[in-house]
Amino acid sequence: MVALSPDLARPGLRPVPAFLTLGLILFVLGASVLSLTSGAAGLGLRDILAAPFGEGLSQRDAVVLYDIRLPRLAMGLAVGAALAVSGVLLQGLFRNPLADPGIVGIGAGAGLGAVLAIVLGGLLPLWLSDFIGMHLVPFAAFFGGWAATLLLYRVATAGGRTDVATMLLAGIALAALAGAVTGVMVYLADDRQLRDLT
């Protein structure tokens, strides 16, 4: 496990001002309303607010709201929250407010997983291809990032202690290696696969 430094574990960190927290909450609410009301269907805020009170939506508007816009909003909020948590964890681990997954090669590992899925996905057995379907690239990207994280942790851990400097250097090397393999896959890709990669 990675031990926190005494200055990070000690109380006395500067609190976030209440007005900043309130402002960010209002910004997320405003962006959510904009996401639900923007689009070509012409479904406005008045229609969305009237729907729970019995006035109802047309079948087309209900499909747009419940099958397109609400899932899009929920996915956006979930992805944003996950990115925020991962960013905070990396910044706390490296004690650097500029740290991100690209520094330690996690992004390059996820990118390599997606590239491998696009270029070599046709080599999968038919039953596996049918089972995964269109989710192959997201799954491959997730497992690529996960494998990069595990490899990075394994390289940087010795004797039960994880050295942050070793993790940083190993992450840079891992990103370079993943970039090289990605380059080879791009070279091997055909025109359709290159469009997908782009």
Protein backbone atom coordinates (compact mmCIF):
# COMPACT_ATOMS: atom_id res chain seq x y z
CA MET A 1 0.00 0.00 0.00
CA VAL A 2 1.04 3.56 -0.58
CA ALA A 3 1.53 5.45 2.67
CA LEU A 4 0.47 9.07 2.79
CA SER A 5 3.06 11.58 3.81
CA PRO A 6 2.55 13.17 7.25
CA ASP A 7 1.65 16.56 5.74
CA LEU A 8 -1.18 15.00 3.71
CA ALA A 9 -2.57 13.06 6.65
CA ARG A 10 -2.38 16.06 9.02
CA PRO A 11 -5.47 18.25 9.45
CA GLY A 12 -5.24 21.91 8.59
CA LEU A 13 -5.62 21.76 4.82
CA ARG A 14 -7.34 24.82 3.42
CA PRO A 15 -11.14 24.27 3.31
CA VAL A 16 -13.07 24.85 0.11
CA PRO A 17 -15.12 28.07 0.39
CA ALA A 18 -18.86 27.51 0.63
CA PHE A 19 -19.61 29.88 -2.26
CA LEU A 20 -17.34 27.83 -4.54
CA THR A 21 -19.13 24.61 -3.62
CA LEU A 22 -22.52 26.25 -4.15
CA GLY A 23 -21.37 27.69 -7.47
CA LEU A 24 -20.19 24.29 -8.71
CA ILE A 25 -23.46 22.64 -7.65
CA LEU A 26 -25.43 25.32 -9.51
CA PHE A 27 -23.19 24.87 -12.55
CA VAL A 28 -23.85 21.09 -12.61
CA LEU A 29 -27.60 21.68 -12.24
CA GLY A 30 -27.57 24.24 -15.05
CA ALA A 31 -25.56 21.94 -17.31
CA SER A 32 -28.00 19.11 -16.51
CA VAL A 33 -31.01 21.24 -17.46
CA LEU A 34 -29.25 22.32 -20.65
CA SER A 35 -28.48 18.68 -21.49
CA LEU A 36 -32.11 17.64 -21.00
CA THR A 37 -33.57 20.54 -23.00
CA SER A 38 -31.11 20.82 -25.90
CA GLY A 39 -31.57 18.90 -29.10
CA ALA A 40 -33.38 18.67 -32.40
CA ALA A 41 -36.58 17.19 -30.92
CA GLY A 42 -37.86 20.54 -29.63
CA LEU A 43 -38.46 19.17 -26.14
CA GLY A 44 -38.22 22.17 -23.82
CA LEU A 45 -37.98 22.76 -20.09
CA ARG A 46 -41.73 23.42 -19.78
CA ASP A 47 -42.52 20.01 -21.34
CA ILE A 48 -40.09 18.21 -19.03
CA LEU A 49 -41.42 19.95 -15.91
CA ALA A 50 -45.06 19.29 -16.87
CA ALA A 51 -44.55 15.56 -17.50
CA PRO A 52 -44.52 14.42 -13.83
CA PHE A 53 -47.76 16.34 -13.11
CA GLY A 54 -49.98 14.30 -15.39
CA GLU A 55 -49.85 16.36 -18.55
CA GLY A 56 -47.68 13.68 -20.11
CA LEU A 57 -45.42 13.65 -23.10
CA SER A 58 -46.09 12.40 -26.56
CA GLN A 59 -44.66 8.99 -27.33
CA ARG A 60 -41.86 10.55 -29.40
CA ASP A 61 -40.95 13.03 -26.65
CA ALA A 62 -41.01 10.28 -24.01
CA VAL A 63 -38.57 8.21 -26.08
CA VAL A 64 -36.31 11.23 -26.55
CA LEU A 65 -36.35 12.10 -22.85
CA TYR A 66 -36.21 8.66 -21.21
CA ASP A 67 -34.19 6.70 -23.77
CA ILE A 68 -31.75 9.34 -25.05
CA ARG A 69 -31.39 12.44 -22.91
CA LEU A 70 -31.67 11.04 -19.36
CA PRO A 71 -29.21 8.16 -20.02
CA ARG A 72 -26.84 10.64 -21.70
CA LEU A 73 -27.03 12.91 -18.65
CA ALA A 74 -26.54 10.04 -16.19
CA MET A 75 -23.55 8.72 -18.14
CA GLY A 76 -22.00 12.20 -18.32
CA LEU A 77 -22.37 12.71 -14.56
CA ALA A 78 -20.95 9.25 -13.79
CA VAL A 79 -17.96 9.67 -16.11
CA GLY A 80 -17.27 13.15 -14.75
CA ALA A 81 -17.38 11.89 -11.17
CA ALA A 82 -15.08 8.97 -11.99
CA LEU A 83 -12.57 11.25 -13.71
CA ALA A 84 -12.64 13.65 -10.76
CA VAL A 85 -11.99 10.87 -8.25
CA SER A 86 -9.16 9.37 -10.32
CA GLY A 87 -7.59 12.80 -10.76
CA VAL A 88 -7.74 13.52 -7.03
CA LEU A 89 -6.21 10.12 -6.21
CA LEU A 90 -3.33 10.61 -8.64
CA GLN A 91 -2.71 14.16 -7.47
CA GLY A 92 -2.68 12.98 -3.86
CA LEU A 93 -0.39 10.07 -4.65
CA PHE A 94 2.17 12.18 -6.52
CA ARG A 95 1.62 15.27 -4.33
CA ASN A 96 1.36 17.30 -7.51
CA PRO A 97 -1.76 19.21 -8.63
CA LEU A 98 -0.78 18.67 -12.29
CA ALA A 99 -0.65 14.85 -12.12
CA ASP A 100 -2.93 12.97 -14.50
CA PRO A 101 -3.29 9.40 -15.84
CA GLY A 102 -1.15 10.30 -18.85
CA ILE A 103 1.91 10.85 -16.67
CA VAL A 104 2.01 7.26 -15.43
CA GLY A 105 0.97 5.55 -18.66
CA ILE A 106 -2.57 4.58 -17.70
CA GLY A 107 -4.05 6.54 -20.60
CA ALA A 108 -1.56 5.00 -23.01
CA GLY A 109 -2.46 1.51 -21.75
CA ALA A 110 -6.17 2.20 -22.23
CA GLY A 111 -5.48 3.59 -25.71
CA LEU A 112 -3.46 0.50 -26.60
CA GLY A 113 -6.30 -1.74 -25.44
CA ALA A 114 -8.76 0.13 -27.67
CA VAL A 115 -6.38 0.02 -30.65
CA LEU A 116 -5.83 -3.72 -30.20
CA ALA A 117 -9.59 -4.27 -30.08
CA ILE A 118 -10.13 -2.30 -33.29
CA VAL A 119 -7.27 -3.84 -35.27
CA LEU A 120 -7.31 -7.42 -33.93
CA GLY A 121 -10.98 -7.67 -32.91
CA GLY A 122 -11.80 -9.67 -36.05
CA LEU A 123 -9.59 -12.51 -34.81
CA LEU A 124 -11.85 -13.20 -31.82
CA PRO A 125 -13.92 -16.40 -31.82
CA LEU A 126 -17.42 -15.85 -33.17
CA TRP A 127 -19.17 -16.70 -29.88
CA LEU A 128 -17.06 -14.18 -27.96
CA SER A 129 -17.55 -11.52 -30.64
CA ASP A 130 -21.33 -12.04 -30.51
CA PHE A 131 -21.33 -11.95 -26.70
CA ILE A 132 -19.34 -8.71 -26.39
CA GLY A 133 -20.79 -7.08 -29.51
CA MET A 134 -20.32 -3.35 -29.83
CA HIS A 135 -18.86 -3.07 -26.32
CA LEU A 136 -15.52 -4.61 -27.34
CA VAL A 137 -13.60 -1.33 -27.63
CA PRO A 138 -14.74 0.15 -24.26
CA PHE A 139 -14.02 -3.16 -22.48
CA ALA A 140 -10.61 -3.41 -24.13
CA ALA A 141 -9.77 0.18 -23.19
CA PHE A 142 -10.80 -0.45 -19.58
CA PHE A 143 -8.77 -3.64 -19.30
CA GLY A 144 -5.81 -1.97 -21.05
CA GLY A 145 -5.80 0.82 -18.47
CA TRP A 146 -6.28 -1.68 -15.65
CA ALA A 147 -3.43 -3.88 -16.88
CA ALA A 148 -1.17 -0.82 -17.18
CA THR A 149 -2.03 0.16 -13.61
CA LEU A 150 -1.32 -3.33 -12.25
CA LEU A 151 1.96 -3.58 -14.16
CA LEU A 152 3.00 -0.14 -12.99
CA TYR A 153 2.19 -0.97 -9.37
CA ARG A 154 4.06 -4.28 -9.62
CA VAL A 155 7.17 -2.61 -11.02
CA ALA A 156 7.16 0.21 -8.45
CA THR A 157 6.55 -2.00 -5.40
CA ALA A 158 9.43 -3.70 -3.65
CA GLY A 159 9.45 -5.09 -0.13
CA GLY A 160 5.87 -4.04 0.50
CA ARG A 161 6.58 -0.36 -0.20
CA THR A 162 5.71 1.61 -3.31
CA ASP A 163 8.21 4.22 -4.42
CA VAL A 164 6.47 7.15 -6.10
CA ALA A 165 9.57 8.18 -8.07
CA THR A 166 9.96 4.65 -9.46
CA MET A 167 6.26 4.62 -10.33
CA LEU A 168 6.63 7.89 -12.22
CA LEU A 169 9.65 6.69 -14.21
CA ALA A 170 8.07 3.30 -14.91
CA GLY A 171 4.90 5.06 -16.05
CA ILE A 172 6.83 7.15 -18.56
CA ALA A 173 8.53 4.00 -19.89
CA LEU A 174 5.20 2.16 -20.02
CA ALA A 175 3.61 5.04 -21.96
CA ALA A 176 6.48 4.96 -24.46
CA LEU A 177 6.15 1.18 -24.89
CA ALA A 178 2.36 1.41 -25.33
CA GLY A 179 2.84 4.21 -27.84
CA ALA A 180 5.28 2.07 -29.84
CA VAL A 181 2.91 -0.91 -29.95
CA THR A 182 0.07 1.44 -30.90
CA GLY A 183 2.21 2.71 -33.79
CA VAL A 184 2.76 -0.85 -35.02
CA MET A 185 -0.99 -1.53 -34.85
CA VAL A 186 -1.73 1.67 -36.79
CA TYR A 187 0.75 0.54 -39.43
CA LEU A 188 -1.02 -2.85 -39.71
CA ALA A 189 -4.54 -1.39 -39.83
CA ASP A 190 -6.59 -1.20 -43.01
CA ASP A 191 -8.54 1.87 -44.18
CA ARG A 192 -11.73 1.10 -42.22
CA GLN A 193 -9.76 0.40 -39.05
CA LEU A 194 -7.79 3.62 -39.50
CA ARG A 195 -11.06 5.57 -39.65
CA ASP A 196 -12.19 3.84 -36.44
CA LEU A 197 -8.86 4.61 -34.79
CA THR A 198 -9.16 8.26 -35.72
